[in-house]
């Protein structure tokens, strides 16, 4: 239910990139913290809700292009996380640990 409140807010007040709203604004309006907002955004996206984002904030996507841009941003984040994981796994060798864990 709480996720739906966020989705409805975005759908009604933040339609399209031109109406993006900052995370801080959403946190204030919905009385939630930063981590909770990110969790809700994540859950909505996982369920297929067209919640997009830019450096300006979050919004309810109204075009495929808006969603495509967000997908590309997330792919870049994933690539960075994958690189960090590979680096940390390589560092494990210095601890005499196998890649699979202790």
N, C-alpha and C. Protein backbone atom coordinates (compact mmCIF):
# COMPACT_ATOMS: atom_id res chain seq x y z
N UNK A 1 0.82 -1.20 0.00
CA UNK A 1 0.00 0.00 0.00
C UNK A 1 0.87 1.27 0.00
N UNK A 2 1.92 1.26 0.80
CA UNK A 2 2.77 2.45 0.87
C UNK A 2 3.43 2.74 -0.47
N UNK A 3 3.80 1.65 -1.17
CA UNK A 3 4.39 1.84 -2.49
C UNK A 3 3.39 2.50 -3.44
N UNK A 4 2.13 2.11 -3.30
CA UNK A 4 1.09 2.66 -4.18
C UNK A 4 0.89 4.16 -3.96
N UNK A 5 1.08 4.61 -2.73
CA UNK A 5 0.96 6.04 -2.45
C UNK A 5 2.01 6.80 -3.22
N UNK A 6 3.24 6.29 -3.21
CA UNK A 6 4.32 6.92 -3.97
C UNK A 6 4.02 6.89 -5.46
N UNK A 7 3.59 5.75 -5.96
CA UNK A 7 3.29 5.63 -7.38
C UNK A 7 2.20 6.60 -7.79
N UNK A 8 1.14 6.70 -7.01
CA UNK A 8 0.06 7.61 -7.34
C UNK A 8 0.53 9.07 -7.31
N UNK A 9 1.37 9.40 -6.36
CA UNK A 9 1.90 10.77 -6.28
C UNK A 9 2.70 11.07 -7.55
N UNK A 10 3.58 10.17 -7.94
CA UNK A 10 4.39 10.38 -9.13
C UNK A 10 3.50 10.48 -10.37
N UNK A 11 2.51 9.61 -10.43
CA UNK A 11 1.63 9.57 -11.60
C UNK A 11 0.80 10.85 -11.73
N UNK A 12 0.38 11.41 -10.61
CA UNK A 12 -0.46 12.60 -10.66
C UNK A 12 0.34 13.91 -10.71
N UNK A 13 1.42 13.99 -9.96
CA UNK A 13 2.13 15.27 -9.82
C UNK A 13 3.45 15.34 -10.58
N UNK A 14 3.96 14.20 -11.03
CA UNK A 14 5.30 14.18 -11.62
C UNK A 14 5.33 13.42 -12.93
N UNK A 15 4.40 13.74 -13.81
CA UNK A 15 4.33 13.05 -15.10
C UNK A 15 5.33 13.65 -16.06
N UNK A 16 6.24 12.82 -16.52
CA UNK A 16 7.22 13.25 -17.50
C UNK A 16 8.44 13.90 -16.88
N UNK A 17 9.53 13.86 -17.64
CA UNK A 17 10.82 14.38 -17.18
C UNK A 17 10.74 15.84 -16.76
N UNK A 18 9.95 16.61 -17.44
CA UNK A 18 9.86 18.05 -17.12
C UNK A 18 9.28 18.30 -15.73
N UNK A 19 8.63 17.30 -15.15
CA UNK A 19 8.02 17.44 -13.82
C UNK A 19 8.75 16.61 -12.76
N UNK A 20 10.00 16.26 -13.02
CA UNK A 20 10.77 15.47 -12.06
C UNK A 20 10.83 16.21 -10.72
N UNK A 21 10.84 15.43 -9.65
CA UNK A 21 10.88 15.99 -8.31
C UNK A 21 12.04 15.32 -7.56
N UNK A 22 12.73 16.10 -6.77
CA UNK A 22 13.90 15.57 -6.06
C UNK A 22 13.50 14.51 -5.03
N UNK A 23 14.45 13.68 -4.71
CA UNK A 23 14.23 12.69 -3.67
C UNK A 23 13.88 13.35 -2.35
N UNK A 24 14.55 14.44 -2.03
CA UNK A 24 14.29 15.14 -0.78
C UNK A 24 12.85 15.64 -0.72
N UNK A 25 12.35 16.12 -1.84
CA UNK A 25 10.96 16.58 -1.88
C UNK A 25 10.00 15.42 -1.63
N UNK A 26 10.27 14.28 -2.27
CA UNK A 26 9.41 13.11 -2.06
C UNK A 26 9.48 12.64 -0.61
N UNK A 27 10.67 12.65 -0.04
CA UNK A 27 10.84 12.24 1.36
C UNK A 27 9.99 13.13 2.27
N UNK A 28 10.03 14.42 2.03
CA UNK A 28 9.28 15.37 2.85
C UNK A 28 7.78 15.19 2.68
N UNK A 29 7.34 15.11 1.43
CA UNK A 29 5.90 15.00 1.16
C UNK A 29 5.30 13.69 1.65
N UNK A 30 6.10 12.62 1.60
CA UNK A 30 5.58 11.30 1.99
C UNK A 30 6.01 10.90 3.40
N UNK A 31 6.76 11.78 4.05
CA UNK A 31 7.21 11.53 5.44
C UNK A 31 7.99 10.22 5.56
N UNK A 32 8.96 10.06 4.66
CA UNK A 32 9.81 8.87 4.69
C UNK A 32 11.27 9.29 4.57
N UNK A 33 12.16 8.39 4.92
CA UNK A 33 13.59 8.66 4.81
C UNK A 33 14.13 8.28 3.44
N UNK A 34 15.39 8.64 3.21
CA UNK A 34 16.05 8.39 1.94
C UNK A 34 16.08 6.90 1.59
N UNK A 35 16.48 6.07 2.55
CA UNK A 35 16.56 4.63 2.27
C UNK A 35 15.20 4.04 1.96
N UNK A 36 14.19 4.46 2.70
CA UNK A 36 12.84 3.96 2.44
C UNK A 36 12.37 4.38 1.05
N UNK A 37 12.65 5.61 0.65
CA UNK A 37 12.27 6.06 -0.68
C UNK A 37 12.93 5.18 -1.74
N UNK A 38 14.21 4.94 -1.59
CA UNK A 38 14.92 4.12 -2.58
C UNK A 38 14.35 2.70 -2.64
N UNK A 39 14.01 2.14 -1.49
CA UNK A 39 13.42 0.81 -1.47
C UNK A 39 12.08 0.80 -2.20
N UNK A 40 11.27 1.81 -1.95
CA UNK A 40 9.96 1.88 -2.61
C UNK A 40 10.11 2.04 -4.12
N UNK A 41 11.03 2.91 -4.54
CA UNK A 41 11.28 3.10 -5.97
C UNK A 41 11.71 1.77 -6.58
N UNK A 42 12.60 1.08 -5.91
CA UNK A 42 13.10 -0.21 -6.40
C UNK A 42 11.96 -1.22 -6.55
N UNK A 43 11.14 -1.33 -5.52
CA UNK A 43 10.03 -2.29 -5.58
C UNK A 43 9.06 -1.95 -6.71
N UNK A 44 8.76 -0.67 -6.88
CA UNK A 44 7.86 -0.27 -7.96
C UNK A 44 8.44 -0.63 -9.32
N UNK A 45 9.71 -0.34 -9.51
CA UNK A 45 10.36 -0.66 -10.78
C UNK A 45 10.36 -2.16 -11.02
N UNK A 46 10.63 -2.94 -9.98
CA UNK A 46 10.64 -4.40 -10.12
C UNK A 46 9.27 -4.93 -10.53
N UNK A 47 8.22 -4.25 -10.13
CA UNK A 47 6.85 -4.64 -10.49
C UNK A 47 6.43 -4.10 -11.86
N UNK A 48 7.33 -3.35 -12.51
CA UNK A 48 7.02 -2.85 -13.84
C UNK A 48 6.44 -1.45 -13.90
N UNK A 49 6.44 -0.73 -12.79
CA UNK A 49 5.96 0.65 -12.81
C UNK A 49 6.99 1.53 -13.52
N UNK A 50 6.55 2.42 -14.40
CA UNK A 50 7.48 3.25 -15.17
C UNK A 50 8.04 4.44 -14.38
N UNK A 51 8.75 4.14 -13.30
CA UNK A 51 9.35 5.19 -12.48
C UNK A 51 10.75 5.45 -13.03
N UNK A 52 10.94 6.64 -13.54
CA UNK A 52 12.21 7.02 -14.15
C UNK A 52 12.91 8.04 -13.27
N UNK A 53 14.16 8.32 -13.63
CA UNK A 53 14.90 9.31 -12.86
C UNK A 53 16.00 9.95 -13.70
N UNK A 54 16.35 11.14 -13.29
CA UNK A 54 17.47 11.88 -13.86
C UNK A 54 18.21 12.53 -12.69
N UNK A 55 19.20 13.33 -12.98
CA UNK A 55 19.87 14.06 -11.90
C UNK A 55 18.92 15.05 -11.23
N UNK A 56 17.86 15.43 -11.92
CA UNK A 56 16.89 16.36 -11.36
C UNK A 56 15.90 15.69 -10.41
N UNK A 57 15.77 14.38 -10.50
CA UNK A 57 14.86 13.70 -9.60
C UNK A 57 14.11 12.55 -10.24
N UNK A 58 13.04 12.15 -9.57
CA UNK A 58 12.20 11.03 -10.00
C UNK A 58 10.95 11.55 -10.70
N UNK A 59 10.41 10.71 -11.59
CA UNK A 59 9.18 11.08 -12.27
C UNK A 59 8.52 9.83 -12.86
N UNK A 60 7.26 9.98 -13.20
CA UNK A 60 6.49 8.92 -13.85
C UNK A 60 6.70 9.08 -15.35
N UNK A 61 7.38 8.13 -15.96
CA UNK A 61 7.71 8.22 -17.38
C UNK A 61 6.45 8.20 -18.24
N UNK A 62 6.46 9.05 -19.26
CA UNK A 62 5.34 9.08 -20.20
C UNK A 62 5.76 8.71 -21.62
N UNK A 63 7.07 8.49 -21.81
CA UNK A 63 7.56 8.06 -23.13
C UNK A 63 8.55 6.92 -22.95
N UNK A 64 8.70 6.13 -24.00
CA UNK A 64 9.69 5.05 -23.97
C UNK A 64 11.10 5.62 -23.82
N UNK A 65 11.34 6.77 -24.41
CA UNK A 65 12.66 7.41 -24.32
C UNK A 65 13.03 7.75 -22.89
N UNK A 66 12.06 8.21 -22.11
CA UNK A 66 12.34 8.53 -20.71
C UNK A 66 12.74 7.27 -19.93
N UNK A 67 12.05 6.18 -20.20
CA UNK A 67 12.39 4.92 -19.54
C UNK A 67 13.73 4.40 -20.03
N UNK A 68 13.98 4.50 -21.31
CA UNK A 68 15.23 4.01 -21.89
C UNK A 68 16.42 4.71 -21.24
N UNK A 69 16.33 6.01 -21.04
CA UNK A 69 17.41 6.75 -20.40
C UNK A 69 17.67 6.23 -18.99
N UNK A 70 16.62 5.95 -18.25
CA UNK A 70 16.78 5.42 -16.90
C UNK A 70 17.39 4.03 -16.93
N UNK A 71 16.97 3.20 -17.87
CA UNK A 71 17.55 1.86 -18.01
C UNK A 71 19.05 1.96 -18.27
N UNK A 72 19.46 2.85 -19.16
CA UNK A 72 20.90 3.03 -19.47
C UNK A 72 21.66 3.48 -18.23
N UNK A 73 21.08 4.38 -17.43
CA UNK A 73 21.73 4.84 -16.20
C UNK A 73 21.93 3.67 -15.24
N UNK A 74 20.90 2.85 -15.09
CA UNK A 74 20.99 1.71 -14.19
C UNK A 74 22.02 0.69 -14.67
N UNK A 75 22.13 0.52 -15.99
CA UNK A 75 23.13 -0.39 -16.53
C UNK A 75 24.55 0.11 -16.23
N UNK A 76 24.76 1.41 -16.28
CA UNK A 76 26.07 1.98 -15.94
C UNK A 76 26.38 1.75 -14.46
N UNK A 77 25.38 1.90 -13.60
CA UNK A 77 25.57 1.63 -12.18
C UNK A 77 25.94 0.17 -11.96
N UNK A 78 25.22 -0.71 -12.65
CA UNK A 78 25.50 -2.15 -12.52
C UNK A 78 26.92 -2.46 -12.96
N UNK A 79 27.37 -1.86 -14.06
CA UNK A 79 28.73 -2.09 -14.54
C UNK A 79 29.76 -1.64 -13.50
N UNK A 80 29.50 -0.53 -12.85
CA UNK A 80 30.41 -0.04 -11.82
C UNK A 80 30.44 -0.97 -10.62
N UNK A 81 29.29 -1.47 -10.22
CA UNK A 81 29.22 -2.40 -9.10
C UNK A 81 29.92 -3.71 -9.46
N UNK A 82 29.71 -4.19 -10.68
CA UNK A 82 30.38 -5.42 -11.12
C UNK A 82 31.90 -5.25 -11.09
N UNK A 83 32.40 -4.09 -11.50
CA UNK A 83 33.83 -3.83 -11.48
C UNK A 83 34.36 -3.82 -10.05
N UNK A 84 33.61 -3.23 -9.14
CA UNK A 84 34.02 -3.20 -7.73
C UNK A 84 34.06 -4.61 -7.15
N UNK A 85 33.08 -5.43 -7.50
CA UNK A 85 33.06 -6.82 -7.03
C UNK A 85 34.28 -7.57 -7.54
N UNK A 86 34.60 -7.41 -8.82
CA UNK A 86 35.77 -8.08 -9.38
C UNK A 86 37.04 -7.64 -8.65
N UNK A 87 37.16 -6.36 -8.36
CA UNK A 87 38.33 -5.86 -7.65
C UNK A 87 38.43 -6.42 -6.25
N UNK A 88 37.31 -6.48 -5.55
CA UNK A 88 37.32 -7.03 -4.19
C UNK A 88 37.62 -8.53 -4.19
N UNK A 89 37.09 -9.23 -5.19
CA UNK A 89 37.40 -10.66 -5.29
C UNK A 89 38.88 -10.88 -5.54
N UNK A 90 39.49 -10.01 -6.36
CA UNK A 90 40.92 -10.10 -6.59
C UNK A 90 41.69 -9.81 -5.30
N UNK A 91 41.19 -8.88 -4.50
CA UNK A 91 41.83 -8.54 -3.23
C UNK A 91 41.77 -9.71 -2.25
N UNK A 92 40.76 -10.56 -2.38
CA UNK A 92 40.65 -11.73 -1.51
C UNK A 92 41.87 -12.64 -1.62
N UNK A 93 42.49 -12.66 -2.79
CA UNK A 93 43.66 -13.50 -2.97
C UNK A 93 44.76 -13.13 -1.98
N UNK A 94 44.84 -11.85 -1.62
CA UNK A 94 45.82 -11.40 -0.65
C UNK A 94 45.54 -11.90 0.76
N UNK A 95 44.33 -12.34 0.99
CA UNK A 95 43.94 -12.89 2.28
C UNK A 95 44.02 -14.41 2.28
N UNK A 96 44.43 -14.97 1.13
CA UNK A 96 44.52 -16.42 1.03
C UNK A 96 43.17 -17.10 1.01
N UNK A 97 42.13 -16.37 0.53
CA UNK A 97 40.78 -16.92 0.50
C UNK A 97 40.39 -17.23 -0.94
N UNK A 98 39.66 -18.30 -1.14
CA UNK A 98 39.15 -18.59 -2.49
C UNK A 98 38.06 -17.60 -2.87
N UNK A 99 37.83 -17.47 -4.17
CA UNK A 99 36.81 -16.53 -4.65
C UNK A 99 35.42 -16.85 -4.14
N UNK A 100 35.09 -18.09 -3.91
CA UNK A 100 33.75 -18.48 -3.48
C UNK A 100 33.43 -18.12 -2.04
N UNK A 101 34.42 -17.75 -1.25
CA UNK A 101 34.15 -17.38 0.13
C UNK A 101 34.96 -18.21 1.11
N UNK A 102 34.79 -17.95 2.39
CA UNK A 102 35.56 -18.66 3.42
C UNK A 102 35.23 -20.13 3.52
